[in-house]
Amino acid sequence: MISVQEFARRLNILSPGAVTSEDIEDLADAAGVRIDPGRGIDAAQAQQMLDHLSPPVPVSGTAIVASQWTPETTGRVSAPPMVFSNPGAVDAPSDPPARPRKSGQTRNGRPGSRSPRR
């Protein structure tokens, strides 16, 4: 058995949208599954709820409530790894040079405004 919060967390990893504990309770109602948030969700309850998901997730109810759970596939795209060449430095595309900023008042006396071009 796993808690409602853990079930929601695991579904978040598998689905593109955000899943909350309230969503799990709504899903249980739609699937006709009686869950007790204090007791948890077992494999049969999980499978009944997973059967009502659209789009379906690539995992069974038994797999999602397993104590050593690792998702088979994820619905989210992961970021490419960053390469560290030395401590504190990140090899990444260089940013364009920053434009110099002026501080203080402009010609017309108002801070941050531009005077019209002539």
Protein backbone atom coordinates (compact mmCIF):
# COMPACT_ATOMS: atom_id res chain seq x y z
CA MET A 1 0.00 0.00 0.00
CA ILE A 2 1.03 3.58 -0.64
CA SER A 3 -0.43 6.86 0.54
CA VAL A 4 -2.64 9.02 -1.63
CA GLN A 5 0.12 11.64 -1.75
CA GLU A 6 2.71 9.09 -2.94
CA PHE A 7 0.28 7.75 -5.55
CA ALA A 8 -0.18 11.33 -6.83
CA ARG A 9 3.60 11.89 -6.86
CA ARG A 10 4.19 8.73 -8.88
CA LEU A 11 1.47 9.67 -11.36
CA ASN A 12 3.08 13.11 -11.73
CA ILE A 13 6.22 11.39 -12.98
CA LEU A 14 4.25 9.34 -15.51
CA SER A 15 1.81 11.95 -16.81
CA PRO A 16 2.35 15.30 -18.49
CA GLY A 17 -0.11 17.15 -16.24
CA ALA A 18 0.11 17.92 -12.55
CA VAL A 19 -1.71 15.42 -10.32
CA THR A 20 -2.74 16.34 -6.78
CA SER A 21 -4.15 14.31 -3.89
CA GLU A 22 -7.55 15.82 -4.66
CA ASP A 23 -7.23 14.58 -8.25
CA ILE A 24 -6.61 11.06 -6.91
CA GLU A 25 -9.74 11.27 -4.76
CA ASP A 26 -11.73 12.47 -7.80
CA LEU A 27 -10.27 9.66 -9.90
CA ALA A 28 -11.24 7.13 -7.24
CA ASP A 29 -14.80 8.47 -7.24
CA ALA A 30 -14.99 8.29 -11.04
CA ALA A 31 -13.64 4.73 -11.02
CA GLY A 32 -16.00 3.66 -8.23
CA VAL A 33 -13.09 2.88 -5.92
CA ARG A 34 -13.45 3.52 -2.20
CA ILE A 35 -10.18 4.80 -0.78
CA ASP A 36 -9.31 5.87 2.72
CA PRO A 37 -6.59 8.57 2.62
CA GLY A 38 -5.45 7.50 6.10
CA ARG A 39 -5.13 3.84 5.11
CA GLY A 40 -3.60 4.07 1.65
CA ILE A 41 -4.08 2.57 -1.80
CA ASP A 42 -3.46 -1.10 -2.60
CA ALA A 43 -2.59 -2.64 -5.99
CA ALA A 44 -6.19 -3.55 -6.91
CA GLN A 45 -7.47 -0.04 -6.15
CA ALA A 46 -4.55 1.47 -8.04
CA GLN A 47 -5.26 -0.70 -11.09
CA GLN A 48 -8.94 0.25 -11.11
CA MET A 49 -8.00 3.92 -11.04
CA LEU A 50 -5.28 3.52 -13.68
CA ASP A 51 -7.82 1.84 -15.96
CA HIS A 52 -9.84 5.09 -15.91
CA LEU A 53 -6.94 7.38 -16.81
CA SER A 54 -6.85 9.02 -20.21
CA PRO A 55 -4.28 8.90 -21.68
CA PRO A 56 -3.27 5.60 -20.10
CA VAL A 57 0.02 5.30 -18.22
CA PRO A 58 2.53 2.55 -19.08
CA VAL A 59 2.51 0.93 -15.63
CA SER A 60 0.30 -1.52 -13.73
CA GLY A 61 -1.35 -0.96 -10.37
CA THR A 62 0.96 -3.56 -8.83
CA ALA A 63 4.04 -1.80 -10.20
CA ILE A 64 2.97 1.68 -9.08
CA VAL A 65 2.38 0.60 -5.45
CA ALA A 66 5.57 -1.50 -5.26
CA SER A 67 7.97 -0.46 -2.50
CA GLN A 68 10.93 -0.35 -4.94
CA TRP A 69 9.14 1.71 -7.57
CA THR A 70 10.88 3.00 -10.65
CA PRO A 71 8.85 4.20 -13.61
CA GLU A 72 9.25 2.27 -16.86
CA THR A 73 8.99 5.41 -18.95
CA THR A 74 8.34 9.01 -18.13
CA GLY A 75 5.99 11.39 -19.84
CA ARG A 76 8.25 14.34 -19.21
CA VAL A 77 11.19 15.34 -21.31
CA SER A 78 14.38 15.59 -19.34
CA ALA A 79 16.88 18.36 -19.85
CA PRO A 80 20.19 17.48 -21.50
CA PRO A 81 23.04 16.98 -19.07
CA MET A 82 25.42 19.83 -18.38
CA VAL A 83 29.16 19.33 -18.65
CA PHE A 84 31.33 20.69 -15.86
CA SER A 85 34.88 21.42 -16.97
CA ASN A 86 36.06 22.72 -13.61
CA PRO A 87 34.46 23.50 -10.26
CA GLY A 88 32.13 26.43 -10.54
CA ALA A 89 32.12 26.67 -14.34
CA VAL A 90 29.45 25.38 -16.69
CA ASP A 91 30.12 24.74 -20.36
CA ALA A 92 27.11 26.16 -22.15
CA PRO A 93 26.48 28.37 -25.16
CA SER A 94 27.81 31.84 -24.54
CA ASP A 95 25.33 34.60 -23.92
CA PRO A 96 25.31 37.66 -26.13
CA PRO A 97 27.16 40.61 -24.62
CA ALA A 98 25.02 42.68 -22.29
CA ARG A 99 24.02 46.17 -23.37
CA PRO A 100 25.38 48.88 -21.13
CA ARG A 101 22.70 50.43 -18.99
CA LYS A 102 22.57 54.05 -18.03
CA SER A 103 21.42 55.13 -14.63
CA GLY A 104 20.00 58.43 -13.56
CA GLN A 105 17.57 60.73 -15.28
CA THR A 106 17.09 61.09 -19.01
CA ARG A 107 17.04 64.35 -20.96
CA ASN A 108 13.42 65.13 -20.24
CA GLY A 109 13.96 64.73 -16.48
CA ARG A 110 11.90 61.57 -15.90
CA PRO A 111 13.77 58.49 -14.68
CA GLY A 112 13.60 55.46 -16.97
CA SER A 113 11.79 57.14 -19.87
CA ARG A 114 13.20 57.76 -23.29
CA SER A 115 13.08 61.03 -25.09
CA PRO A 116 11.47 60.92 -28.54
CA ARG A 117 13.80 60.60 -31.49
CA ARG A 118 13.90 63.44 -33.95
